[in-house]
C-alpha cells in the first residue's frame, strides 16, 4: 500500500491523530485551494467551484469533526469518478 493510500485510509477511518498538512494535501489533490484570511485567523478555508467551502483550523491535533469533512470530500469525489 502506497503512502497516499495509507493517508486516505487514515482519513476514511477518522484517525484522531491527523495533521493539518495531511488534510491540506488531500483537499488540494481534489482541486481545492486553501487561503488563510488576513487578520490573524488560525483557520484556513478551502474552496472549489461548485462545492461548499471547508474551514479547518491550522493547529494540531485536528479534531475528528474536520477529518470527517475531508472524509466526505473523498467519498464524494470517489463516487463522482465511478459514475
PDB file of N, CA and C in Angstrom:
ATOM      1  N   UNK A   1       0.851  -1.177   0.000  1.00  0.00           N
ATOM      2  CA  UNK A   1       0.000   0.000   0.000  1.00  0.00           C
ATOM      3  C   UNK A   1       0.900   1.245   0.000  1.00  0.00           C
ATOM      4  N   UNK A   2       0.615   2.157  -0.904  1.00  0.00           N
ATOM      5  CA  UNK A   2       1.427   3.371  -1.014  1.00  0.00           C
ATOM      6  C   UNK A   2       1.140   4.325   0.142  1.00  0.00           C
ATOM      7  N   UNK A   3       2.017   5.300   0.310  1.00  0.00           N
ATOM      8  CA  UNK A   3       1.836   6.298   1.364  1.00  0.00           C
ATOM      9  C   UNK A   3       0.528   7.065   1.162  1.00  0.00           C
ATOM     10  N   UNK A   4       0.197   7.339  -0.110  1.00  0.00           N
ATOM     11  CA  UNK A   4      -1.053   8.044  -0.414  1.00  0.00           C
ATOM     12  C   UNK A   4      -2.257   7.209   0.020  1.00  0.00           C
ATOM     13  N   UNK A   5      -2.243   5.917  -0.305  1.00  0.00           N
ATOM     14  CA  UNK A   5      -3.341   5.031   0.076  1.00  0.00           C
ATOM     15  C   UNK A   5      -3.466   4.932   1.591  1.00  0.00           C
ATOM     16  N   UNK A   6      -2.341   4.921   2.280  1.00  0.00           N
ATOM     17  CA  UNK A   6      -2.358   4.871   3.748  1.00  0.00           C
ATOM     18  C   UNK A   6      -2.962   6.144   4.325  1.00  0.00           C
ATOM     19  N   UNK A   7      -2.623   7.278   3.731  1.00  0.00           N
ATOM     20  CA  UNK A   7      -3.174   8.559   4.174  1.00  0.00           C
ATOM     21  C   UNK A   7      -4.689   8.574   3.993  1.00  0.00           C
ATOM     22  N   UNK A   8      -5.155   8.162   2.825  1.00  0.00           N
ATOM     23  CA  UNK A   8      -6.604   8.114   2.582  1.00  0.00           C
ATOM     24  C   UNK A   8      -7.283   7.150   3.537  1.00  0.00           C
ATOM     25  N   UNK A   9      -6.658   6.014   3.808  1.00  0.00           N
ATOM     26  CA  UNK A   9      -7.229   5.029   4.731  1.00  0.00           C
ATOM     27  C   UNK A   9      -7.343   5.606   6.138  1.00  0.00           C
ATOM     28  N   UNK A  10      -6.349   6.376   6.554  1.00  0.00           N
ATOM     29  CA  UNK A  10      -6.406   7.007   7.886  1.00  0.00           C
ATOM     30  C   UNK A  10      -7.561   7.997   7.975  1.00  0.00           C
ATOM     31  N   UNK A  11      -7.764   8.753   6.908  1.00  0.00           N
ATOM     32  CA  UNK A  11      -8.866   9.722   6.907  1.00  0.00           C
ATOM     33  C   UNK A  11     -10.199   8.994   6.903  1.00  0.00           C
ATOM     34  N   UNK A  12     -10.327   7.983   6.067  1.00  0.00           N
ATOM     35  CA  UNK A  12     -11.586   7.237   5.996  1.00  0.00           C
ATOM     36  C   UNK A  12     -11.897   6.522   7.308  1.00  0.00           C
ATOM     37  N   UNK A  13     -10.866   6.176   8.086  1.00  0.00           N
ATOM     38  CA  UNK A  13     -11.058   5.549   9.399  1.00  0.00           C
ATOM     39  C   UNK A  13     -11.237   6.595  10.504  1.00  0.00           C
ATOM     40  N   UNK A  14     -11.237   7.880  10.110  1.00  0.00           N
ATOM     41  CA  UNK A  14     -11.406   9.000  11.036  1.00  0.00           C
ATOM     42  C   UNK A  14     -10.355   8.983  12.150  1.00  0.00           C
ATOM     43  N   UNK A  15      -9.104   8.842  11.744  1.00  0.00           N
ATOM     44  CA  UNK A  15      -7.967   8.853  12.664  1.00  0.00           C
ATOM     45  C   UNK A  15      -7.961  10.151  13.461  1.00  0.00           C
ATOM     46  N   UNK A  16      -7.758  10.050  14.755  1.00  0.00           N
ATOM     47  CA  UNK A  16      -7.780  11.225  15.631  1.00  0.00           C
ATOM     48  C   UNK A  16      -6.438  11.945  15.673  1.00  0.00           C
ATOM     49  N   UNK A  17      -5.423  11.403  15.022  1.00  0.00           N
ATOM     50  CA  UNK A  17      -4.085  11.990  15.064  1.00  0.00           C
ATOM     51  C   UNK A  17      -3.666  12.567  13.713  1.00  0.00           C
ATOM     52  N   UNK A  18      -4.595  13.153  13.014  1.00  0.00           N
ATOM     53  CA  UNK A  18      -4.296  13.730  11.701  1.00  0.00           C
ATOM     54  C   UNK A  18      -3.638  15.097  11.875  1.00  0.00           C
ATOM     55  N   UNK A  19      -2.815  15.444  10.901  1.00  0.00           N
ATOM     56  CA  UNK A  19      -2.174  16.752  10.885  1.00  0.00           C
ATOM     57  C   UNK A  19      -2.842  17.629   9.833  1.00  0.00           C
ATOM     58  N   UNK A  20      -2.771  18.921  10.052  1.00  0.00           N
ATOM     59  CA  UNK A  20      -3.349  19.881   9.104  1.00  0.00           C
ATOM     60  C   UNK A  20      -2.754  19.688   7.717  1.00  0.00           C
ATOM     61  N   UNK A  21      -1.434  19.522   7.641  1.00  0.00           N
ATOM     62  CA  UNK A  21      -0.770  19.378   6.338  1.00  0.00           C
ATOM     63  C   UNK A  21      -1.279  18.169   5.565  1.00  0.00           C
ATOM     64  N   UNK A  22      -1.628  17.092   6.267  1.00  0.00           N
ATOM     65  CA  UNK A  22      -2.160  15.902   5.590  1.00  0.00           C
ATOM     66  C   UNK A  22      -3.526  16.205   4.969  1.00  0.00           C
ATOM     67  N   UNK A  23      -4.387  16.859   5.732  1.00  0.00           N
ATOM     68  CA  UNK A  23      -5.717  17.193   5.217  1.00  0.00           C
ATOM     69  C   UNK A  23      -5.610  18.193   4.065  1.00  0.00           C
ATOM     70  N   UNK A  24      -4.702  19.143   4.204  1.00  0.00           N
ATOM     71  CA  UNK A  24      -4.483  20.130   3.144  1.00  0.00           C
ATOM     72  C   UNK A  24      -4.036  19.431   1.860  1.00  0.00           C
ATOM     73  N   UNK A  25      -3.120  18.508   1.976  1.00  0.00           N
ATOM     74  CA  UNK A  25      -2.609  17.779   0.813  1.00  0.00           C
ATOM     75  C   UNK A  25      -3.726  17.039   0.076  1.00  0.00           C
ATOM     76  N   UNK A  26      -4.604  16.399   0.839  1.00  0.00           N
ATOM     77  CA  UNK A  26      -5.706  15.652   0.230  1.00  0.00           C
ATOM     78  C   UNK A  26      -6.687  16.600  -0.456  1.00  0.00           C
ATOM     79  N   UNK A  27      -7.067  17.661   0.229  1.00  0.00           N
ATOM     80  CA  UNK A  27      -8.011  18.614  -0.373  1.00  0.00           C
ATOM     81  C   UNK A  27      -7.437  19.227  -1.644  1.00  0.00           C
ATOM     82  N   UNK A  28      -6.170  19.596  -1.623  1.00  0.00           N
ATOM     83  CA  UNK A  28      -5.554  20.181  -2.807  1.00  0.00           C
ATOM     84  C   UNK A  28      -5.489  19.177  -3.956  1.00  0.00           C
ATOM     85  N   UNK A  29      -5.321  17.909  -3.634  1.00  0.00           N
ATOM     86  CA  UNK A  29      -5.270  16.895  -4.694  1.00  0.00           C
ATOM     87  C   UNK A  29      -6.623  16.755  -5.395  1.00  0.00           C
ATOM     88  N   UNK A  30      -7.697  17.124  -4.715  1.00  0.00           N
ATOM     89  CA  UNK A  30      -9.030  17.070  -5.309  1.00  0.00           C
ATOM     90  C   UNK A  30      -9.462  18.418  -5.882  1.00  0.00           C
ATOM     91  N   UNK A  31      -8.528  19.348  -6.013  1.00  0.00           N
ATOM     92  CA  UNK A  31      -8.809  20.607  -6.683  1.00  0.00           C
ATOM     93  C   UNK A  31      -9.216  21.762  -5.788  1.00  0.00           C
ATOM     94  N   UNK A  32      -9.162  21.590  -4.491  1.00  0.00           N
ATOM     95  CA  UNK A  32      -9.487  22.675  -3.567  1.00  0.00           C
ATOM     96  C   UNK A  32      -8.272  23.589  -3.419  1.00  0.00           C
ATOM     97  N   UNK A  33      -8.518  24.870  -3.235  1.00  0.00           N
ATOM     98  CA  UNK A  33      -7.438  25.807  -2.956  1.00  0.00           C
ATOM     99  C   UNK A  33      -7.659  26.390  -1.572  1.00  0.00           C
ATOM    100  N   UNK A  34      -6.587  26.468  -0.804  1.00  0.00           N
ATOM    101  CA  UNK A  34      -6.684  26.957   0.566  1.00  0.00           C
ATOM    102  C   UNK A  34      -6.205  28.381   0.686  1.00  0.00           C
ATOM    103  N   UNK A  35      -6.856  29.123   1.563  1.00  0.00           N
ATOM    104  CA  UNK A  35      -6.475  30.510   1.798  1.00  0.00           C
ATOM    105  C   UNK A  35      -6.706  30.846   3.262  1.00  0.00           C
ATOM    106  N   UNK A  36      -5.683  31.411   3.868  1.00  0.00           N
ATOM    107  CA  UNK A  36      -5.820  31.900   5.242  1.00  0.00           C
ATOM    108  C   UNK A  36      -6.179  33.371   5.182  1.00  0.00           C
ATOM    109  N   UNK A  37      -7.240  33.749   5.856  1.00  0.00           N
ATOM    110  CA  UNK A  37      -7.644  35.155   5.802  1.00  0.00           C
ATOM    111  C   UNK A  37      -6.637  36.041   6.528  1.00  0.00           C
ATOM    112  N   UNK A  38      -6.528  37.267   6.048  1.00  0.00           N
ATOM    113  CA  UNK A  38      -5.666  38.212   6.750  1.00  0.00           C
ATOM    114  C   UNK A  38      -6.350  38.597   8.052  1.00  0.00           C
ATOM    115  N   UNK A  39      -5.599  39.004   8.987  1.00  0.00           N
ATOM    116  CA  UNK A  39      -6.184  39.412  10.257  1.00  0.00           C
ATOM    117  C   UNK A  39      -5.870  38.449  11.382  1.00  0.00           C
ATOM    118  N   UNK A  40      -4.980  37.499  11.139  1.00  0.00           N
ATOM    119  CA  UNK A  40      -4.522  36.650  12.224  1.00  0.00           C
ATOM    120  C   UNK A  40      -5.387  35.450  12.540  1.00  0.00           C
ATOM    121  N   UNK A  41      -6.274  35.063  11.653  1.00  0.00           N
ATOM    122  CA  UNK A  41      -7.116  33.899  11.911  1.00  0.00           C
ATOM    123  C   UNK A  41      -6.271  32.632  11.916  1.00  0.00           C
ATOM    124  N   UNK A  42      -6.644  31.686  12.762  1.00  0.00           N
ATOM    125  CA  UNK A  42      -5.908  30.422  12.844  1.00  0.00           C
ATOM    126  C   UNK A  42      -6.579  29.341  11.996  1.00  0.00           C
ATOM    127  N   UNK A  43      -7.448  29.731  11.094  1.00  0.00           N
ATOM    128  CA  UNK A  43      -8.165  28.782  10.251  1.00  0.00           C
ATOM    129  C   UNK A  43      -7.822  29.020   8.779  1.00  0.00           C
ATOM    130  N   UNK A  44      -7.961  27.970   7.995  1.00  0.00           N
ATOM    131  CA  UNK A  44      -7.724  28.037   6.556  1.00  0.00           C
ATOM    132  C   UNK A  44      -9.002  27.560   5.867  1.00  0.00           C
ATOM    133  N   UNK A  45      -9.467  28.304   4.885  1.00  0.00           N
ATOM    134  CA  UNK A  45     -10.677  27.939   4.153  1.00  0.00           C
ATOM    135  C   UNK A  45     -10.291  27.405   2.781  1.00  0.00           C
ATOM    136  N   UNK A  46     -10.804  26.211   2.477  1.00  0.00           N
ATOM    137  CA  UNK A  46     -10.546  25.561   1.200  1.00  0.00           C
ATOM    138  C   UNK A  46     -11.794  25.681   0.340  1.00  0.00           C
ATOM    139  N   UNK A  47     -11.590  26.087  -0.909  1.00  0.00           N
ATOM    140  CA  UNK A  47     -12.715  26.294  -1.821  1.00  0.00           C
ATOM    141  C   UNK A  47     -12.481  25.558  -3.135  1.00  0.00           C
ATOM    142  N   UNK A  48     -13.601  25.138  -3.714  1.00  0.00           N
ATOM    143  CA  UNK A  48     -13.600  24.528  -5.042  1.00  0.00           C
ATOM    144  C   UNK A  48     -14.914  24.929  -5.694  1.00  0.00           C
ATOM    145  N   UNK A  49     -14.852  25.309  -6.936  1.00  0.00           N
ATOM    146  CA  UNK A  49     -16.049  25.763  -7.642  1.00  0.00           C
ATOM    147  C   UNK A  49     -17.117  24.667  -7.617  1.00  0.00           C
ATOM    148  N   UNK A  50     -18.319  25.047  -7.239  1.00  0.00           N
ATOM    149  CA  UNK A  50     -19.438  24.122  -7.205  1.00  0.00           C
ATOM    150  C   UNK A  50     -19.531  23.303  -5.921  1.00  0.00           C
ATOM    151  N   UNK A  51     -18.651  23.546  -4.977  1.00  0.00           N
ATOM    152  CA  UNK A  51     -18.643  22.805  -3.712  1.00  0.00           C
ATOM    153  C   UNK A  51     -18.713  23.779  -2.534  1.00  0.00           C
ATOM    154  N   UNK A  52     -19.176  23.293  -1.415  1.00  0.00           N
ATOM    155  CA  UNK A  52     -19.216  24.113  -0.203  1.00  0.00           C
ATOM    156  C   UNK A  52     -17.793  24.317   0.318  1.00  0.00           C
ATOM    157  N   UNK A  53     -17.494  25.512   0.838  1.00  0.00           N
ATOM    158  CA  UNK A  53     -16.165  25.733   1.404  1.00  0.00           C
ATOM    159  C   UNK A  53     -15.970  24.904   2.679  1.00  0.00           C
ATOM    160  N   UNK A  54     -14.728  24.561   2.940  1.00  0.00           N
ATOM    161  CA  UNK A  54     -14.377  23.795   4.130  1.00  0.00           C
ATOM    162  C   UNK A  54     -13.344  24.609   4.905  1.00  0.00           C
ATOM    163  N   UNK A  55     -13.628  24.907   6.164  1.00  0.00           N
ATOM    164  CA  UNK A  55     -12.720  25.667   7.007  1.00  0.00           C
ATOM    165  C   UNK A  55     -12.131  24.738   8.054  1.00  0.00           C
ATOM    166  N   UNK A  56     -10.793  24.727   8.128  1.00  0.00           N
ATOM    167  CA  UNK A  56     -10.083  23.836   9.041  1.00  0.00           C
ATOM    168  C   UNK A  56      -9.083  24.661   9.846  1.00  0.00           C
ATOM    169  N   UNK A  57      -9.015  24.449  11.178  1.00  0.00           N
ATOM    170  CA  UNK A  57      -8.018  25.160  11.973  1.00  0.00           C
ATOM    171  C   UNK A  57      -6.622  24.639  11.662  1.00  0.00           C
ATOM    172  N   UNK A  58      -5.647  25.520  11.716  1.00  0.00           N
ATOM    173  CA  UNK A  58      -4.274  25.149  11.391  1.00  0.00           C
ATOM    174  C   UNK A  58      -3.595  24.446  12.552  1.00  0.00           C
ATOM    175  N   UNK A  59      -4.090  24.597  13.765  1.00  0.00           N
ATOM    176  CA  UNK A  59      -3.438  23.982  14.920  1.00  0.00           C
ATOM    177  C   UNK A  59      -3.609  22.469  14.915  1.00  0.00           C
ATOM    178  N   UNK A  60      -2.810  21.798  15.706  1.00  0.00           N
ATOM    179  CA  UNK A  60      -2.860  20.329  15.795  1.00  0.00           C
ATOM    180  C   UNK A  60      -2.995  19.932  17.250  1.00  0.00           C
ATOM    181  N   UNK A  61      -3.594  18.823  17.569  1.00  0.00           N
ATOM    182  CA  UNK A  61      -4.190  17.859  16.649  1.00  0.00           C
ATOM    183  C   UNK A  61      -5.516  18.372  16.095  1.00  0.00           C
ATOM    184  N   UNK A  62      -5.861  17.869  14.943  1.00  0.00           N
ATOM    185  CA  UNK A  62      -7.109  18.243  14.280  1.00  0.00           C
ATOM    186  C   UNK A  62      -8.240  17.426  14.895  1.00  0.00           C
ATOM    187  N   UNK A  63      -9.336  18.075  15.215  1.00  0.00           N
ATOM    188  CA  UNK A  63     -10.490  17.361  15.776  1.00  0.00           C
ATOM    189  C   UNK A  63     -11.125  16.467  14.709  1.00  0.00           C
ATOM    190  N   UNK A  64     -11.735  15.401  15.164  1.00  0.00           N
ATOM    191  CA  UNK A  64     -12.336  14.412  14.271  1.00  0.00           C
ATOM    192  C   UNK A  64     -13.398  15.046  13.371  1.00  0.00           C
ATOM    193  N   UNK A  65     -14.058  16.073  13.839  1.00  0.00           N
ATOM    194  CA  UNK A  65     -15.082  16.747  13.040  1.00  0.00           C
ATOM    195  C   UNK A  65     -14.513  17.217  11.706  1.00  0.00           C
ATOM    196  N   UNK A  66     -13.301  17.739  11.718  1.00  0.00           N
ATOM    197  CA  UNK A  66     -12.680  18.239  10.496  1.00  0.00           C
ATOM    198  C   UNK A  66     -12.203  17.088   9.608  1.00  0.00           C
ATOM    199  N   UNK A  67     -11.767  16.016  10.230  1.00  0.00           N
ATOM    200  CA  UNK A  67     -11.379  14.823   9.472  1.00  0.00           C
ATOM    201  C   UNK A  67     -12.609  14.271   8.750  1.00  0.00           C
ATOM    202  N   UNK A  68     -13.752  14.313   9.408  1.00  0.00           N
ATOM    203  CA  UNK A  68     -14.994  13.834   8.803  1.00  0.00           C
ATOM    204  C   UNK A  68     -15.380  14.681   7.593  1.00  0.00           C
ATOM    205  N   UNK A  69     -15.112  15.985   7.639  1.00  0.00           N
ATOM    206  CA  UNK A  69     -15.399  16.847   6.488  1.00  0.00           C
ATOM    207  C   UNK A  69     -14.565  16.435   5.283  1.00  0.00           C
ATOM    208  N   UNK A  70     -13.288  16.146   5.522  1.00  0.00           N
ATOM    209  CA  UNK A  70     -12.403  15.730   4.425  1.00  0.00           C
ATOM    210  C   UNK A  70     -12.795  14.332   3.954  1.00  0.00           C
ATOM    211  N   UNK A  71     -13.212  13.484   4.874  1.00  0.00           N
ATOM    212  CA  UNK A  71     -13.682  12.142   4.510  1.00  0.00           C
ATOM    213  C   UNK A  71     -14.864  12.252   3.549  1.00  0.00           C
ATOM    214  N   UNK A  72     -15.783  13.164   3.832  1.00  0.00           N
ATOM    215  CA  UNK A  72     -16.949  13.359   2.967  1.00  0.00           C
ATOM    216  C   UNK A  72     -16.518  13.812   1.571  1.00  0.00           C
ATOM    217  N   UNK A  73     -15.484  14.651   1.488  1.00  0.00           N
ATOM    218  CA  UNK A  73     -14.967  15.088   0.190  1.00  0.00           C
ATOM    219  C   UNK A  73     -14.414  13.897  -0.576  1.00  0.00           C
ATOM    220  N   UNK A  74     -13.617  13.073   0.098  1.00  0.00           N
ATOM    221  CA  UNK A  74     -13.028  11.895  -0.552  1.00  0.00           C
ATOM    222  C   UNK A  74     -14.128  10.990  -1.087  1.00  0.00           C
ATOM    223  N   UNK A  75     -15.117  10.700  -0.258  1.00  0.00           N
ATOM    224  CA  UNK A  75     -16.201   9.808  -0.677  1.00  0.00           C
ATOM    225  C   UNK A  75     -16.980  10.389  -1.852  1.00  0.00           C
ATOM    226  N   UNK A  76     -17.232  11.693  -1.830  1.00  0.00           N
ATOM    227  CA  UNK A  76     -17.972  12.337  -2.905  1.00  0.00           C
ATOM    228  C   UNK A  76     -17.154  12.315  -4.202  1.00  0.00           C
ATOM    229  N   UNK A  77     -15.876  12.618  -4.110  1.00  0.00           N
ATOM    230  CA  UNK A  77     -15.022  12.632  -5.298  1.00  0.00           C
ATOM    231  C   UNK A  77     -14.858  11.240  -5.878  1.00  0.00           C
ATOM    232  N   UNK A  78     -14.709  10.239  -5.016  1.00  0.00           N
ATOM    233  CA  UNK A  78     -14.585   8.860  -5.484  1.00  0.00           C
ATOM    234  C   UNK A  78     -15.867   8.407  -6.163  1.00  0.00           C
ATOM    235  N   UNK A  79     -17.014   8.792  -5.610  1.00  0.00           N
ATOM    236  CA  UNK A  79     -18.302   8.443  -6.198  1.00  0.00           C
ATOM    237  C   UNK A  79     -18.443   9.096  -7.573  1.00  0.00           C
ATOM    238  N   UNK A  80     -18.016  10.359  -7.696  1.00  0.00           N
ATOM    239  CA  UNK A  80     -18.097  11.052  -8.977  1.00  0.00           C
ATOM    240  C   UNK A  80     -17.208  10.400 -10.026  1.00  0.00           C
ATOM    241  N   UNK A  81     -16.063   9.866  -9.604  1.00  0.00           N
ATOM    242  CA  UNK A  81     -15.173   9.180 -10.542  1.00  0.00           C
ATOM    243  C   UNK A  81     -15.787   7.885 -11.037  1.00  0.00           C
ATOM    244  N   UNK A  82     -16.537   7.213 -10.179  1.00  0.00           N
ATOM    245  CA  UNK A  82     -17.121   5.919 -10.527  1.00  0.00           C
ATOM    246  C   UNK A  82     -18.409   6.037 -11.331  1.00  0.00           C
ATOM    247  N   UNK A  83     -19.008   7.216 -11.335  1.00  0.00           N
ATOM    248  CA  UNK A  83     -20.265   7.410 -12.088  1.00  0.00           C
ATOM    249  C   UNK A  83     -20.024   7.608 -13.553  1.00  0.00           C
TER     250      UNK A  83
END
